N, C-alpha and C. Protein backbone atom coordinates (compact mmCIF):
# COMPACT_ATOMS: atom_id res chain seq x y z
N UNK A 1 0.87 -1.15 0.00
CA UNK A 1 0.00 0.00 0.00
C UNK A 1 0.90 1.20 0.00
N UNK A 2 1.02 1.86 -1.11
CA UNK A 2 1.99 2.93 -1.26
C UNK A 2 1.31 4.29 -1.23
N UNK A 3 1.73 5.11 -0.28
CA UNK A 3 1.25 6.48 -0.22
C UNK A 3 -0.26 6.62 -0.23
N UNK A 4 -0.98 5.68 0.38
CA UNK A 4 -2.42 5.76 0.43
C UNK A 4 -3.11 5.25 -0.82
N UNK A 5 -2.33 4.82 -1.81
CA UNK A 5 -2.89 4.29 -3.05
C UNK A 5 -2.61 2.80 -3.10
N UNK A 6 -3.64 2.01 -3.23
CA UNK A 6 -3.49 0.56 -3.21
C UNK A 6 -2.73 0.07 -4.44
N UNK A 7 -1.83 -0.85 -4.21
CA UNK A 7 -1.09 -1.52 -5.27
C UNK A 7 -1.60 -2.96 -5.35
N UNK A 8 -1.62 -3.50 -6.55
CA UNK A 8 -2.02 -4.89 -6.73
C UNK A 8 -0.90 -5.81 -6.26
N UNK A 9 -1.26 -6.81 -5.48
CA UNK A 9 -0.29 -7.78 -4.99
C UNK A 9 -0.59 -9.14 -5.62
N UNK A 10 0.40 -9.74 -6.27
CA UNK A 10 0.16 -11.05 -6.89
C UNK A 10 0.11 -12.16 -5.85
N UNK A 11 -0.81 -13.09 -6.03
CA UNK A 11 -0.89 -14.29 -5.21
C UNK A 11 -0.52 -15.47 -6.10
N UNK A 12 0.60 -16.09 -5.77
CA UNK A 12 1.11 -17.20 -6.58
C UNK A 12 1.48 -18.36 -5.66
N UNK A 13 1.25 -19.57 -6.12
CA UNK A 13 1.64 -20.76 -5.38
C UNK A 13 2.48 -21.64 -6.29
N UNK A 14 3.33 -22.44 -5.66
CA UNK A 14 4.20 -23.34 -6.40
C UNK A 14 3.97 -24.74 -5.84
N UNK A 15 3.72 -25.70 -6.71
CA UNK A 15 3.47 -27.06 -6.26
C UNK A 15 1.98 -27.30 -6.10
N UNK A 16 1.65 -28.48 -5.66
CA UNK A 16 0.24 -28.82 -5.51
C UNK A 16 -0.42 -29.03 -6.86
N UNK A 17 -1.71 -29.18 -6.82
CA UNK A 17 -2.49 -29.47 -8.01
C UNK A 17 -3.36 -28.27 -8.35
N UNK A 18 -3.11 -27.68 -9.51
CA UNK A 18 -3.89 -26.52 -9.93
C UNK A 18 -5.28 -26.96 -10.36
N UNK A 19 -6.28 -26.09 -10.27
CA UNK A 19 -6.20 -24.68 -9.91
C UNK A 19 -6.19 -24.50 -8.39
N UNK A 20 -5.81 -23.30 -7.96
CA UNK A 20 -5.77 -22.95 -6.55
C UNK A 20 -6.96 -22.07 -6.20
N UNK A 21 -7.43 -22.21 -4.98
CA UNK A 21 -8.46 -21.33 -4.43
C UNK A 21 -7.78 -20.44 -3.40
N UNK A 22 -7.88 -19.13 -3.60
CA UNK A 22 -7.28 -18.15 -2.70
C UNK A 22 -8.34 -17.51 -1.83
N UNK A 23 -8.02 -17.33 -0.55
CA UNK A 23 -8.87 -16.61 0.39
C UNK A 23 -8.03 -15.57 1.11
N UNK A 24 -8.54 -14.36 1.22
CA UNK A 24 -7.92 -13.32 2.02
C UNK A 24 -8.93 -12.94 3.09
N UNK A 25 -8.55 -13.15 4.35
CA UNK A 25 -9.47 -12.96 5.48
C UNK A 25 -10.78 -13.71 5.26
N UNK A 26 -10.67 -14.90 4.69
CA UNK A 26 -11.83 -15.76 4.49
C UNK A 26 -12.69 -15.44 3.28
N UNK A 27 -12.30 -14.42 2.52
CA UNK A 27 -13.07 -14.00 1.35
C UNK A 27 -12.36 -14.49 0.08
N UNK A 28 -13.06 -15.20 -0.80
CA UNK A 28 -12.42 -15.68 -2.03
C UNK A 28 -11.91 -14.53 -2.90
N UNK A 29 -10.76 -14.78 -3.54
CA UNK A 29 -10.16 -13.82 -4.47
C UNK A 29 -10.27 -14.43 -5.87
N UNK A 30 -10.76 -13.66 -6.84
CA UNK A 30 -10.86 -14.15 -8.21
C UNK A 30 -9.49 -14.56 -8.73
N UNK A 31 -9.42 -15.73 -9.34
CA UNK A 31 -8.16 -16.25 -9.87
C UNK A 31 -8.33 -16.61 -11.34
N UNK A 32 -7.20 -16.68 -12.05
CA UNK A 32 -7.25 -17.09 -13.45
C UNK A 32 -7.32 -18.61 -13.55
N UNK A 33 -7.26 -19.15 -14.76
CA UNK A 33 -7.39 -20.60 -14.96
C UNK A 33 -6.33 -21.41 -14.24
N UNK A 34 -5.14 -20.83 -14.07
CA UNK A 34 -4.07 -21.54 -13.36
C UNK A 34 -4.18 -21.38 -11.86
N UNK A 35 -5.11 -20.52 -11.41
CA UNK A 35 -5.27 -20.30 -9.99
C UNK A 35 -4.42 -19.18 -9.45
N UNK A 36 -3.81 -18.38 -10.33
CA UNK A 36 -3.06 -17.22 -9.88
C UNK A 36 -4.01 -16.04 -9.77
N UNK A 37 -3.75 -15.16 -8.81
CA UNK A 37 -4.67 -14.06 -8.55
C UNK A 37 -3.90 -12.79 -8.25
N UNK A 38 -4.56 -11.67 -8.45
CA UNK A 38 -4.05 -10.37 -8.04
C UNK A 38 -5.03 -9.81 -7.02
N UNK A 39 -4.49 -9.35 -5.90
CA UNK A 39 -5.32 -8.86 -4.81
C UNK A 39 -4.95 -7.42 -4.51
N UNK A 40 -5.96 -6.59 -4.25
CA UNK A 40 -5.73 -5.19 -3.91
C UNK A 40 -6.12 -5.00 -2.44
N UNK A 41 -5.13 -4.68 -1.58
CA UNK A 41 -5.45 -4.45 -0.17
C UNK A 41 -6.42 -3.28 -0.01
N UNK A 42 -7.26 -3.35 1.01
CA UNK A 42 -8.18 -2.25 1.26
C UNK A 42 -7.68 -1.33 2.37
N UNK A 43 -6.47 -1.58 2.85
CA UNK A 43 -5.88 -0.74 3.87
C UNK A 43 -4.71 -1.44 4.54
N UNK A 44 -4.11 -0.75 5.48
CA UNK A 44 -2.98 -1.30 6.22
C UNK A 44 -3.47 -2.23 7.33
N UNK A 45 -2.61 -3.16 7.73
CA UNK A 45 -2.92 -4.07 8.83
C UNK A 45 -2.63 -5.51 8.45
N UNK A 46 -2.89 -6.39 9.39
CA UNK A 46 -2.66 -7.82 9.16
C UNK A 46 -3.81 -8.43 8.38
N UNK A 47 -3.47 -9.31 7.44
CA UNK A 47 -4.45 -10.09 6.71
C UNK A 47 -4.01 -11.54 6.73
N UNK A 48 -4.97 -12.43 6.63
CA UNK A 48 -4.71 -13.86 6.55
C UNK A 48 -4.91 -14.30 5.10
N UNK A 49 -3.87 -14.87 4.50
CA UNK A 49 -3.93 -15.34 3.11
C UNK A 49 -3.84 -16.86 3.14
N UNK A 50 -4.81 -17.51 2.50
CA UNK A 50 -4.85 -18.97 2.44
C UNK A 50 -4.99 -19.42 1.00
N UNK A 51 -4.39 -20.57 0.71
CA UNK A 51 -4.53 -21.16 -0.61
C UNK A 51 -4.83 -22.65 -0.43
N UNK A 52 -5.75 -23.15 -1.25
CA UNK A 52 -6.08 -24.57 -1.26
C UNK A 52 -5.98 -25.06 -2.69
N UNK A 53 -5.31 -26.21 -2.87
CA UNK A 53 -5.19 -26.73 -4.23
C UNK A 53 -6.36 -27.66 -4.54
N UNK A 54 -6.40 -28.16 -5.77
CA UNK A 54 -7.51 -29.00 -6.23
C UNK A 54 -7.61 -30.32 -5.47
N UNK A 55 -6.52 -30.75 -4.82
CA UNK A 55 -6.54 -31.99 -4.04
C UNK A 55 -6.93 -31.75 -2.59
N UNK A 56 -7.16 -30.49 -2.22
CA UNK A 56 -7.56 -30.18 -0.85
C UNK A 56 -6.42 -29.83 0.08
N UNK A 57 -5.18 -29.81 -0.41
CA UNK A 57 -4.04 -29.40 0.40
C UNK A 57 -4.08 -27.89 0.56
N UNK A 58 -3.71 -27.40 1.74
CA UNK A 58 -3.80 -25.96 1.96
C UNK A 58 -2.61 -25.44 2.75
N UNK A 59 -2.43 -24.13 2.64
CA UNK A 59 -1.41 -23.41 3.40
C UNK A 59 -1.95 -22.02 3.67
N UNK A 60 -1.49 -21.42 4.75
CA UNK A 60 -1.92 -20.06 5.06
C UNK A 60 -0.79 -19.31 5.74
N UNK A 61 -0.90 -17.99 5.66
CA UNK A 61 0.10 -17.12 6.26
C UNK A 61 -0.57 -15.81 6.64
N UNK A 62 -0.12 -15.21 7.72
CA UNK A 62 -0.56 -13.87 8.09
C UNK A 62 0.46 -12.88 7.53
N UNK A 63 -0.06 -11.84 6.90
CA UNK A 63 0.79 -10.85 6.22
C UNK A 63 0.47 -9.47 6.76
N UNK A 64 1.50 -8.66 6.99
CA UNK A 64 1.32 -7.29 7.43
C UNK A 64 1.41 -6.37 6.21
N UNK A 65 0.34 -5.65 5.92
CA UNK A 65 0.32 -4.67 4.85
C UNK A 65 0.61 -3.32 5.49
N UNK A 66 1.65 -2.64 5.02
CA UNK A 66 2.05 -1.37 5.61
C UNK A 66 1.90 -0.23 4.62
N UNK A 67 1.72 0.97 5.16
CA UNK A 67 1.73 2.18 4.35
C UNK A 67 3.18 2.58 4.13
N UNK A 68 3.54 2.88 2.90
CA UNK A 68 4.90 3.29 2.57
C UNK A 68 4.82 4.58 1.79
N UNK A 69 5.51 5.62 2.24
CA UNK A 69 5.50 6.89 1.54
C UNK A 69 6.32 6.84 0.28
N UNK A 70 5.93 7.64 -0.69
CA UNK A 70 6.67 7.74 -1.94
C UNK A 70 7.60 8.93 -1.89
N UNK A 71 8.79 8.75 -2.43
CA UNK A 71 9.78 9.85 -2.47
C UNK A 71 9.76 10.53 -3.81
């Protein structure tokens, strides 16, 4: 999140069985046919990002989105 303007963040996974299902704070994120997605944060703070592959395997991580000023 740069200077109060949201930047798109890519969501990519490696391994597992495509396609992937992405959730940010429990809300599905639209993904392409390979299961890759672009997510736009709605503000600063912690978010939970989860991915589940077609076989039901999953992983999750908490991410801190910070405001960064532009020079």
